[in-house]
Protein backbone atom coordinates (compact mmCIF):
# COMPACT_ATOMS: atom_id res chain seq x y z
CA UNK A 1 120.99 94.36 94.87
CA UNK A 2 117.46 93.41 94.93
CA UNK A 3 116.44 90.68 93.35
CA UNK A 4 112.86 88.77 92.78
CA UNK A 5 111.76 86.10 95.43
CA UNK A 6 112.24 82.80 94.23
CA UNK A 7 111.78 79.88 96.41
CA UNK A 8 109.93 76.40 97.15
CA UNK A 9 106.97 76.93 99.16
CA UNK A 10 108.84 74.58 102.12
CA UNK A 11 111.38 77.31 101.79
CA UNK A 12 109.19 80.32 101.81
CA UNK A 13 107.14 79.13 104.48
CA UNK A 14 109.83 78.75 106.56
CA UNK A 15 111.72 81.54 106.17
CA UNK A 16 108.52 82.55 107.32
CA UNK A 17 107.65 85.05 111.22
CA UNK A 18 106.43 84.28 114.29
CA UNK A 19 102.58 85.51 114.39
CA UNK A 20 103.51 86.85 117.97
CA UNK A 21 104.41 89.79 118.95
CA UNK A 22 108.62 89.98 118.48
CA UNK A 23 109.63 93.63 119.69
CA UNK A 24 113.11 93.27 119.11
CA UNK A 25 114.97 91.08 116.48
CA UNK A 26 118.28 92.15 114.86
CA UNK A 27 118.98 92.04 111.58
CA UNK A 28 120.35 88.42 110.52
CA UNK A 29 118.35 86.51 113.53
CA UNK A 30 116.41 83.70 111.78
CA UNK A 31 112.68 83.81 112.22
CA UNK A 32 110.57 80.79 113.08
CA UNK A 33 107.12 79.21 111.45
CA UNK A 34 104.37 81.24 109.99
CA UNK A 35 101.28 81.79 112.23
CA UNK A 36 98.41 78.98 111.25
CA UNK A 37 95.94 81.55 108.77
CA UNK A 38 92.57 81.48 110.72
CA UNK A 39 90.32 79.65 108.31
CA UNK A 40 86.95 81.71 106.80
CA UNK A 41 83.09 80.16 106.84
CA UNK A 42 81.38 79.98 103.55
CA UNK A 43 82.49 82.27 101.29
CA UNK A 44 79.61 84.93 100.30
CA UNK A 45 78.01 84.23 97.17
CA UNK A 46 78.50 86.41 94.46
CA UNK A 47 77.07 86.87 90.84
CA UNK A 48 79.13 86.00 88.04
CA UNK A 49 83.03 85.45 87.93
CA UNK A 50 84.94 86.72 91.31
CA UNK A 51 87.92 88.58 91.43
CA UNK A 52 89.44 87.44 95.02
CA UNK A 53 91.97 90.23 96.85
CA UNK A 54 93.68 90.19 100.09
CA UNK A 55 94.82 93.12 101.41
CA UNK A 56 97.85 93.68 103.03
CA UNK A 57 97.92 96.42 105.66
CA UNK A 58 94.67 97.63 107.80
CA UNK A 59 95.00 99.89 110.04
CA UNK A 60 94.26 103.24 107.84
CA UNK A 61 93.90 103.14 104.42
CA UNK A 62 93.76 99.43 103.92
CA UNK A 63 90.28 99.67 105.22
CA UNK A 64 89.38 101.49 101.85
CA UNK A 65 90.90 99.26 99.93
CA UNK A 66 88.78 96.36 101.86
CA UNK A 67 85.29 99.04 101.62
CA UNK A 68 86.25 99.62 97.80
CA UNK A 69 86.34 96.39 96.06
CA UNK A 70 84.38 94.41 98.17
CA UNK A 71 82.32 96.92 96.60
CA UNK A 72 82.62 96.69 93.47
CA UNK A 73 80.74 93.60 91.08
CA UNK A 74 82.25 90.56 90.78
CA UNK A 75 85.16 91.16 93.44
CA UNK A 76 85.64 89.96 96.79
CA UNK A 77 88.28 91.01 99.56
CA UNK A 78 89.16 87.05 101.14
CA UNK A 79 92.08 88.05 103.15
CA UNK A 80 93.13 90.28 105.46
CA UNK A 81 97.31 90.83 106.34
CA UNK A 82 98.90 93.05 109.48
CA UNK A 83 101.88 92.29 111.01
CA UNK A 84 100.20 94.04 114.31
CA UNK A 85 97.68 91.21 115.22
CA UNK A 86 95.53 93.54 117.67
CA UNK A 87 94.72 95.69 114.76
CA UNK A 88 94.06 92.79 112.69
CA UNK A 89 91.57 90.76 114.32
CA UNK A 90 89.51 93.95 115.17
CA UNK A 91 89.35 94.65 111.05
CA UNK A 92 88.62 90.91 110.85
CA UNK A 93 85.20 91.37 113.35
CA UNK A 94 84.26 94.45 111.37
CA UNK A 95 84.23 92.90 108.27
CA UNK A 96 81.88 90.20 109.34
CA UNK A 97 79.40 92.43 111.33
CA UNK A 98 79.07 94.95 108.38
CA UNK A 99 77.07 98.61 108.38
CA UNK A 100 73.29 99.61 107.82
CA UNK A 101 74.22 99.94 104.17
CA UNK A 102 76.57 97.02 103.38
CA UNK A 103 76.50 93.02 104.30
CA UNK A 104 79.19 91.39 106.62
CA UNK A 105 81.76 89.07 104.93
CA UNK A 106 84.04 86.51 106.32
CA UNK A 107 87.95 87.10 105.91
CA UNK A 108 90.89 84.70 106.23
CA UNK A 109 93.72 86.60 108.51
CA UNK A 110 97.20 86.00 108.86
CA UNK A 111 100.27 87.89 109.74
CA UNK A 112 102.52 86.91 107.20
CA UNK A 113 101.51 88.11 103.45
CA UNK A 114 103.77 84.91 102.27
CA UNK A 115 101.54 82.55 103.37
CA UNK A 116 99.14 83.80 100.97
CA UNK A 117 101.19 84.05 97.60
CA UNK A 118 101.45 80.70 96.28
CA UNK A 119 97.70 80.59 96.82
CA UNK A 120 95.63 79.83 94.00
CA UNK A 121 92.74 80.64 95.17
CA UNK A 122 94.40 85.17 95.45
CA UNK A 123 93.91 86.67 92.12
CA UNK A 124 95.17 90.09 93.23
CA UNK A 125 96.53 91.83 96.58
CA UNK A 126 96.40 95.45 97.68
CA UNK A 127 99.23 96.99 99.36
CA UNK A 128 98.64 99.88 102.33
CA UNK A 129 101.63 99.49 104.20
CA UNK A 130 104.10 101.96 105.43
CA UNK A 131 106.15 103.26 102.43
CA UNK A 132 109.23 101.12 102.71
CA UNK A 133 107.72 97.65 102.35
CA UNK A 134 105.66 98.66 99.56
CA UNK A 135 108.00 97.32 96.41
CA UNK A 136 109.05 94.58 98.48
CA UNK A 137 105.50 93.58 98.87
CA UNK A 138 104.40 94.63 95.45
CA UNK A 139 107.79 92.81 93.81
CA UNK A 140 106.98 89.39 95.66
CA UNK A 141 103.14 89.40 94.66
CA UNK A 142 103.90 90.01 90.98
CA UNK A 143 106.82 87.37 91.01
CA UNK A 144 104.10 85.23 92.49
CA UNK A 145 101.44 85.58 89.98
CA UNK A 146 98.96 88.44 91.72
CA UNK A 147 97.64 91.42 90.22
CA UNK A 148 99.03 94.19 92.54
CA UNK A 149 97.05 97.42 93.25
CA UNK A 150 100.10 99.43 95.75
CA UNK A 151 99.58 102.26 97.94
CA UNK A 152 101.58 105.72 96.58
CA UNK A 153 104.35 105.85 97.17
CA UNK A 154 104.87 103.10 95.22
CA UNK A 155 108.48 102.97 96.70
CA UNK A 156 110.67 103.95 99.10
CA UNK A 157 113.91 105.20 97.07
CA UNK A 158 113.99 106.19 93.94
CA UNK A 159 115.80 102.50 92.87
CA UNK A 160 112.79 100.75 94.04
CA UNK A 161 109.78 101.82 91.91
CA UNK A 162 111.84 100.49 88.94
CA UNK A 163 111.79 96.94 90.03
CA UNK A 164 108.04 96.98 90.39
CA UNK A 165 108.02 98.33 86.63
CA UNK A 166 110.52 95.44 85.86
CA UNK A 167 108.49 92.81 88.00
CA UNK A 168 105.32 93.77 85.98
CA UNK A 169 106.76 93.52 82.97
CA UNK A 170 107.98 90.06 83.76
CA UNK A 171 105.09 88.56 84.97
CA UNK A 172 102.46 90.05 82.36
CA UNK A 173 100.61 91.25 85.35
CA UNK A 174 98.10 94.88 86.02
CA UNK A 175 99.73 96.62 88.29
CA UNK A 176 97.96 99.85 89.64
CA UNK A 177 99.13 103.36 91.94
CA UNK A 178 96.67 104.56 94.41
CA UNK A 179 96.77 108.11 93.37
CA UNK A 180 93.34 108.15 92.70
CA UNK A 181 93.19 111.89 91.30
CA UNK A 182 93.72 110.16 88.31
CA UNK A 183 90.44 108.36 87.94
CA UNK A 184 88.61 111.95 88.75
CA UNK A 185 86.36 113.39 86.33
CA UNK A 186 87.13 117.07 87.40
CA UNK A 187 91.24 115.95 87.34
CA UNK A 188 91.31 114.42 83.68
CA UNK A 189 89.15 117.08 82.24
CA UNK A 190 91.65 119.13 83.22
CA UNK A 191 94.41 118.07 82.48
CA UNK A 192 93.29 117.69 78.58
CA UNK A 193 92.33 121.33 78.69
CA UNK A 194 96.56 121.64 79.56
CA UNK A 195 97.70 119.47 77.13
CA UNK A 196 95.33 120.48 74.44
CA UNK A 197 97.26 124.08 74.78
CA UNK A 198 93.96 125.58 76.83
CA UNK A 199 96.85 127.61 78.73
CA UNK A 200 98.97 128.25 75.71
CA UNK A 201 102.40 127.73 77.15
CA UNK A 202 102.77 126.76 80.63
CA UNK A 203 105.23 128.64 82.82
CA UNK A 204 105.51 125.88 86.16
CA UNK A 205 103.56 123.41 87.33
CA UNK A 206 103.07 123.68 90.75
CA UNK A 207 101.57 121.40 93.68
CA UNK A 208 100.91 122.48 97.11
CA UNK A 209 100.78 120.48 100.45
CA UNK A 210 99.93 123.23 103.38
CA UNK A 211 98.41 120.78 105.63
CA UNK A 212 98.88 120.70 109.59
CA UNK A 213 101.41 118.38 111.26
CA UNK A 214 102.07 118.92 114.84
CA UNK A 215 105.16 117.79 116.38
CA UNK A 216 105.48 114.09 117.17
CA UNK A 217 107.09 113.97 120.57
CA UNK A 218 110.72 112.49 121.78
CA UNK A 219 111.85 109.60 123.44
CA UNK A 220 115.09 110.12 125.74
CA UNK A 221 116.11 106.23 125.35
CA UNK A 222 114.33 103.62 122.47
CA UNK A 223 111.38 102.12 123.17
CA UNK A 224 109.96 98.61 122.26
CA UNK A 225 107.04 98.35 119.58
CA UNK A 226 103.78 97.62 120.94
CA UNK A 227 103.45 94.22 122.18
CA UNK A 228 101.17 93.27 119.12
CA UNK A 229 103.39 93.91 116.40
CA UNK A 230 105.97 91.47 114.99
CA UNK A 231 108.42 94.71 115.04
CA UNK A 232 110.97 92.00 112.33
CA UNK A 233 108.69 91.94 109.67
CA UNK A 234 107.36 95.58 109.72
CA UNK A 235 110.57 96.72 109.39
CA UNK A 236 111.24 94.19 106.25
CA UNK A 237 113.57 95.06 103.60
CA UNK A 238 115.41 98.56 106.30
CA UNK A 239 117.99 97.85 108.53
CA UNK A 240 117.12 96.70 112.07
CA UNK A 241 117.25 99.55 114.17
CA UNK A 242 114.66 99.89 117.71
CA UNK A 243 111.91 102.52 117.73
CA UNK A 244 113.34 106.17 118.42
CA UNK A 245 109.76 107.60 118.69
CA UNK A 246 107.21 107.96 121.42
CA UNK A 247 104.40 106.08 118.84
CA UNK A 248 105.09 103.31 116.08
CA UNK A 249 102.03 103.48 113.93
CA UNK A 250 101.60 106.67 111.28
CA UNK A 251 104.72 108.43 112.72
CA UNK A 252 106.95 106.39 110.68
CA UNK A 253 106.04 108.91 108.10
CA UNK A 254 108.27 112.01 109.78
CA UNK A 255 111.41 109.36 109.96
CA UNK A 256 113.51 108.69 106.68
CA UNK A 257 114.33 105.11 107.60
CA UNK A 258 111.15 104.01 106.65
CA UNK A 259 109.24 107.15 105.48
CA UNK A 260 109.31 110.04 103.17
CA UNK A 261 107.75 113.04 105.06
CA UNK A 262 105.12 114.92 103.62
CA UNK A 263 106.07 115.26 100.17
CA UNK A 264 105.80 111.46 99.79
CA UNK A 265 102.84 111.08 101.99
CA UNK A 266 99.91 113.78 100.72
CA UNK A 267 102.37 115.30 98.72
CA UNK A 268 102.79 112.94 96.11
CA UNK A 269 99.18 112.79 95.18
CA UNK A 270 99.77 116.70 94.07
CA UNK A 271 103.16 115.38 92.77
CA UNK A 272 101.71 113.24 90.45
CA UNK A 273 98.74 115.54 89.16
CA UNK A 274 101.72 118.32 88.61
CA UNK A 275 104.13 116.16 86.59
CA UNK A 276 100.70 114.83 84.91
CA UNK A 277 100.06 118.70 83.48
CA UNK A 278 103.79 118.53 82.41
CA UNK A 279 102.99 115.56 80.35
CA UNK A 280 106.78 114.92 81.03
CA UNK A 281 107.43 110.90 81.22
CA UNK A 282 111.26 111.08 82.91
CA UNK A 283 112.92 112.16 85.60
CA UNK A 284 113.54 115.75 85.75
CA UNK A 285 116.74 117.19 84.94
CA UNK A 286 118.44 119.16 87.92
CA UNK A 287 116.54 119.23 91.34
CA UNK A 288 116.61 121.52 94.45
CA UNK A 289 115.30 121.48 97.49
CA UNK A 290 115.31 124.31 100.31
CA UNK A 291 113.51 123.50 103.35
CA UNK A 292 114.00 121.99 107.10
CA UNK A 293 112.42 120.58 110.34
CA UNK A 294 111.55 124.11 111.80
CA UNK A 295 108.74 125.33 114.52
CA UNK A 296 109.14 122.34 116.80
CA UNK A 297 111.73 120.15 118.26
CA UNK A 298 110.47 116.57 118.19
CA UNK A 299 111.96 113.18 116.93
CA UNK A 300 111.16 113.26 113.40
CA UNK A 301 113.82 113.97 111.03
CA UNK A 302 111.75 114.87 107.41
CA UNK A 303 111.56 118.47 106.91
CA UNK A 304 108.01 119.95 107.52
CA UNK A 305 108.84 123.16 105.67
CA UNK A 306 110.36 122.26 102.43
CA UNK A 307 110.05 123.92 98.18
CA UNK A 308 111.49 122.29 95.82
CA UNK A 309 112.23 122.80 92.73
CA UNK A 310 112.67 120.48 89.35
CA UNK A 311 113.81 121.02 85.88
CA UNK A 312 111.49 119.62 83.23
CA UNK A 313 113.51 120.09 80.38
CA UNK A 314 113.29 124.01 80.96
CA UNK A 315 110.07 123.97 82.66
CA UNK A 316 109.64 124.34 86.09
CA UNK A 317 107.87 121.93 88.42
CA UNK A 318 107.63 123.76 91.92
CA UNK A 319 106.22 121.94 95.12
CA UNK A 320 105.78 123.24 98.77
CA UNK A 321 105.41 121.61 101.97
CA UNK A 322 104.04 123.67 104.76
CA UNK A 323 103.42 121.66 107.92
CA UNK A 324 102.69 124.81 110.40
CA UNK A 325 99.92 127.18 110.61
CA UNK A 326 99.59 130.48 109.11
CA UNK A 327 101.45 132.50 111.97
CA UNK A 328 102.17 132.09 115.21
CA UNK A 329 98.67 133.37 116.62
CA UNK A 330 97.29 130.77 114.74
CA UNK A 331 98.70 127.25 116.58
CA UNK A 332 95.15 127.16 118.68
CA UNK A 333 93.52 123.57 118.53
CA UNK A 334 92.66 124.33 114.98
CA UNK A 335 95.59 125.56 112.78
CA UNK A 336 94.75 127.34 110.20
CA UNK A 337 96.97 127.26 107.29
CA UNK A 338 98.11 129.27 104.25
CA UNK A 339 96.53 129.32 100.80
CA UNK A 340 98.21 129.89 97.63
CA UNK A 341 95.27 130.62 94.85
CA UNK A 342 92.75 130.00 96.76
CA UNK A 343 94.23 125.97 97.97
CA UNK A 344 95.89 124.91 100.60
CA UNK A 345 96.55 121.28 99.26
CA UNK A 346 96.16 121.34 95.65
CA UNK A 347 97.53 122.53 92.17
CA UNK A 348 97.99 125.47 90.18
CA UNK A 349 99.30 125.37 86.94
CA UNK A 350 100.70 128.58 85.03
CA UNK A 351 100.38 129.72 81.71
CA UNK A 352 100.11 132.35 79.16
CA UNK A 353 96.42 132.31 79.23
CA UNK A 354 96.32 132.12 83.39
CA UNK A 355 95.93 129.42 85.32
CA UNK A 356 94.46 125.79 86.27
CA UNK A 357 93.18 125.19 89.75
CA UNK A 358 92.93 121.95 90.73
CA UNK A 359 91.52 120.86 94.56
CA UNK A 360 92.77 118.09 96.58
CA UNK A 361 89.22 116.53 96.69
CA UNK A 362 89.30 115.47 93.00
CA UNK A 363 85.58 116.41 92.90
CA UNK A 364 86.51 120.18 91.27
CA UNK A 365 88.71 121.82 88.81
CA UNK A 366 88.93 125.69 86.85
CA UNK A 367 90.07 128.09 84.62
CA UNK A 368 91.07 131.11 85.93
CA UNK A 369 92.31 133.92 82.58
CA UNK A 370 94.82 136.37 82.97
CA UNK A 371 92.20 138.96 84.34
CA UNK A 372 91.18 137.01 87.28
CA UNK A 373 87.78 135.73 85.58
CA UNK A 374 86.57 131.75 85.82
CA UNK A 375 86.38 130.56 82.28
CA UNK A 376 85.70 126.77 82.90
CA UNK A 377 84.94 124.42 85.49
CA UNK A 378 85.12 121.03 85.80
CA UNK A 379 83.05 118.56 87.69
CA UNK A 380 83.05 115.10 88.96
CA UNK A 381 85.44 111.99 90.65
CA UNK A 382 85.84 108.63 90.20
CA UNK A 383 86.19 104.95 91.55
CA UNK A 384 89.74 104.36 91.46
CA UNK A 385 89.49 100.71 92.33
CA UNK A 386 87.46 100.27 89.98
CA UNK A 387 89.78 101.02 87.06
CA UNK A 388 91.72 98.60 88.86
CA UNK A 389 89.10 95.90 88.68
CA UNK A 390 88.32 96.48 85.06
CA UNK A 391 91.97 96.39 83.90
CA UNK A 392 92.80 93.52 85.63
CA UNK A 393 89.34 91.42 84.37
CA UNK A 394 90.00 92.47 80.79
CA UNK A 395 94.04 91.77 81.47
CA UNK A 396 94.93 95.00 79.78
CA UNK A 397 97.35 97.54 81.95
CA UNK A 398 96.43 100.46 79.09
CA UNK A 399 93.03 100.31 81.06
CA UNK A 400 94.71 101.93 83.94
CA UNK A 401 94.55 105.36 85.04
CA UNK A 402 97.23 105.34 87.30
CA UNK A 403 100.25 103.09 86.01
CA UNK A 404 102.73 101.37 88.19
CA UNK A 405 105.61 103.13 85.77
CA UNK A 406 103.31 106.97 86.17
CA UNK A 407 103.60 105.73 90.36
CA UNK A 408 107.52 105.39 90.01
CA UNK A 409 108.19 108.28 88.07
CA UNK A 410 105.45 110.49 90.56
CA UNK A 411 107.21 109.01 93.57
CA UNK A 412 110.69 109.24 92.48
CA UNK A 413 110.12 113.19 91.96
CA UNK A 414 109.48 113.02 95.96
CA UNK A 415 112.18 110.92 96.78
CA UNK A 416 114.61 113.01 94.77
CA UNK A 417 113.48 116.13 96.57
CA UNK A 418 114.38 114.34 100.38
CA UNK A 419 117.61 113.75 98.80
CA UNK A 420 118.40 116.84 98.05
CA UNK A 421 117.46 117.60 101.33
CA UNK A 422 119.60 114.74 103.44
CA UNK A 423 122.73 116.30 101.27
CA UNK A 424 122.21 119.86 101.66
CA UNK A 425 124.10 121.90 104.43
CA UNK A 426 122.36 124.82 106.64
CA UNK A 427 122.56 128.29 104.83
CA UNK A 428 121.48 131.90 105.59
CA UNK A 429 118.25 133.55 103.87
CA UNK A 430 121.07 135.49 101.99
CA UNK A 431 122.67 132.36 100.49
CA UNK A 432 119.18 131.25 99.34
CA UNK A 433 118.34 134.01 97.50
CA UNK A 434 121.61 133.74 95.74
CA UNK A 435 121.38 130.02 94.94
CA UNK A 436 117.62 130.31 93.66
CA UNK A 437 117.61 133.92 92.06
CA UNK A 438 117.60 131.60 88.40
CA UNK A 439 114.28 130.61 88.32
CA UNK A 440 111.78 133.13 89.04
CA UNK A 441 108.96 130.56 89.99
CA UNK A 442 111.29 129.00 92.90
CA UNK A 443 112.46 132.31 93.71
CA UNK A 444 109.15 133.51 94.64
CA UNK A 445 108.03 130.37 96.01
CA UNK A 446 111.65 130.25 98.68
CA UNK A 447 110.63 134.51 99.34
CA UNK A 448 106.58 133.43 100.67
CA UNK A 449 108.03 130.46 102.50
CA UNK A 450 110.67 132.64 104.46
CA UNK A 451 108.19 135.13 105.18
CA UNK A 452 105.63 132.23 106.50
CA UNK A 453 108.63 130.99 108.68
CA UNK A 454 109.07 134.62 110.03
CA UNK A 455 105.01 134.60 110.95
CA UNK A 456 106.03 131.80 112.86
CA UNK A 457 108.33 133.58 114.72
CA UNK A 458 111.28 131.62 113.57
CA UNK A 459 114.30 132.72 113.33
CA UNK A 460 116.16 132.06 110.16
CA UNK A 461 120.00 132.99 111.73
CA UNK A 462 119.48 131.15 114.76
CA UNK A 463 118.10 127.88 113.35
CA UNK A 464 118.98 127.81 109.62
CA UNK A 465 117.11 126.20 106.55
CA UNK A 466 119.06 123.38 105.00
CA UNK A 467 119.98 124.49 101.18
CA UNK A 468 119.79 121.51 99.55
CA UNK A 469 122.59 120.08 97.22
CA UNK A 470 121.67 120.18 93.26
CA UNK A 471 121.41 117.09 91.24
CA UNK A 472 121.22 116.52 88.12
CA UNK A 473 119.36 113.14 87.10
CA UNK A 474 119.55 110.59 84.26
CA UNK A 475 116.84 110.29 82.29
CA UNK A 476 115.94 106.78 83.92
CA UNK A 477 116.76 107.87 87.49
CA UNK A 478 119.62 105.70 87.86
CA UNK A 479 123.00 107.91 88.30
CA UNK A 480 123.19 111.71 89.66
CA UNK A 481 125.99 112.96 87.08
CA UNK A 482 129.24 113.60 88.89
CA UNK A 483 127.57 112.97 92.41
CA UNK A 484 128.77 109.13 93.49
CA UNK A 485 127.27 109.61 96.48
CA UNK A 486 124.13 110.74 95.38
CA UNK A 487 124.01 107.88 92.98
CA UNK A 488 124.24 105.19 95.45
CA UNK A 489 121.43 106.87 97.60
CA UNK A 490 118.81 106.01 94.56
CA UNK A 491 118.70 102.43 95.66
CA UNK A 492 119.08 100.39 98.26
CA UNK A 493 120.45 96.88 100.09
CA UNK A 494 117.58 94.74 101.32
CA UNK A 495 118.11 91.84 104.18
CA UNK A 496 117.23 88.63 104.32
CA UNK A 497 114.75 86.85 104.47
CA UNK A 498 112.97 90.24 103.24
CA UNK A 499 115.65 90.52 99.25
CA UNK A 500 113.11 91.18 96.33
C-alpha cells in the first residue's frame, strides 16, 4: 500500500531525480542528485503577513494558479516547479516580465518538488500536474506541513483520494479541491434553492460534458518523451511505460495509465455539482456505464462517448459525455455540439417543480417550472483562490467551499464510472436496452446517446458499445461487493521512490 513520505533531508535529496532530460528510465533505476534550485532576486515587498506559495505543474492550468494566487492580498508565489525544464524556464520569464496591469515578480524554479517541501519559508503548495501525480504530491506536501490546493480530480483511482483526506486530518493543514464552481455565487444560490425544497422531490441530478474532442493520432512504435522532460519523475507513482502516443502533454488525459478521460477531466466539475445538488455525502450504492471510444481510431483508450448511472439511495445521478459533434455533417473546422435543456456542458436537476439549470461558466443558473416558465435566475461568480487563502490565513478548514472530502467523493464517482467501463464487455444496442430498462432517466439518456452515434454514422453492430460491469460499492469506497477484481482496482501500488 502507499504510505506517508518519511525520510531525512539527506535521504530526501538523495532520492531526487536529475533535472536534465531522462526520456527512458525503467522503474527501479536509481535517481541521481537533484538540480540546484535557481535563486530568486529580492522578493517583492507586500503589505501585511505573506502567505508564500509554490505552484507545481505550470504548463497550463498551473499558470492560472500563479496569477490567481499572486493577485490575493498578502499572498506571494515564490517558486515554480515542473518536470519540463523548457516550460519551467518560459513560465519563470513570464512571471518576471509581468503584464500591462500586473507588475512582474521573481520566482525560484526547480524540477523536483521535494527540494521545496522541507523549506520553512514555503507555506503552501498548489498542484496542477497530471492526474496520476495529484495524490502523491498532495500527501507529500501535507506530511511536510504545507497547506495544499490540489486540482481536480484530486486522485487517479478511488483509494488515493482517501489517502489525501487522511493526510489532511493527521497534518491539521488546509487542503482545498480545485472545483471552482463551489465558490460561484450563482451555483451556491441554486444549490441552496434545491436543498430548501424549491424543486420539491428531486427525481434526477444530471451532469453534461458535450465537449469537442478530436483524435490524438497514432504511433507505430513507442516514442521518447520530449528532451526537456524528466520522464521518470513525470511518471511518478505509476509503472514505467514508454510513450504510446504522438504527444506527451495534455493527451495523457486520454490514456487510462495516467488520465481519466473527460469524465474525470472537464466532467469532474459537473459531477461535483450533480452530487452536491443531491446532498449525498457518500459513495453511490450502484454504478453502471455504457459507452466507448467511438467515431475515430487513435491511441487513446478512454471513452469519448459515455452515459454513467449512479444510484444514490434511490435517486439517480446520470452523467453524459460526448466528444463527437452533433452529426457527421458537423465535422467541420468548428464542431457543433449537441445540447440538452439548452446546455452542452453544465448541470440539470430535475424535480417535481421543474428543473434547475446550472451553466458551465458558473455565472448563472435558473429555475424553469413544469410549464417552461423561468421562475428564478441567479447570477454571479466567485474567487476560488481567495477562498483558499482566507481558509489558510484563518487556519480553518470549515471555511473552504470545496473541501478535500468533497473533492475525494466527486473524483471517486468519476473513477467508478471509468472502472465500470473498463470491466465491461461489448454488447448490442438491444442488450443495452434490456440492461438499462429499469431506470427511466438512464434509459432515456442511453436512447439519446444511441441516436447521437447514429447521427455520426457509427454502426453499433460493427463497433458495439461497451456495457459496463454493474458495481455495488460500500459507503467509503473501499470494497465492491462480490467483486474482488473491481475491489483491487480501487487502489494502486506506487513505485519507489514515489511512494505516499
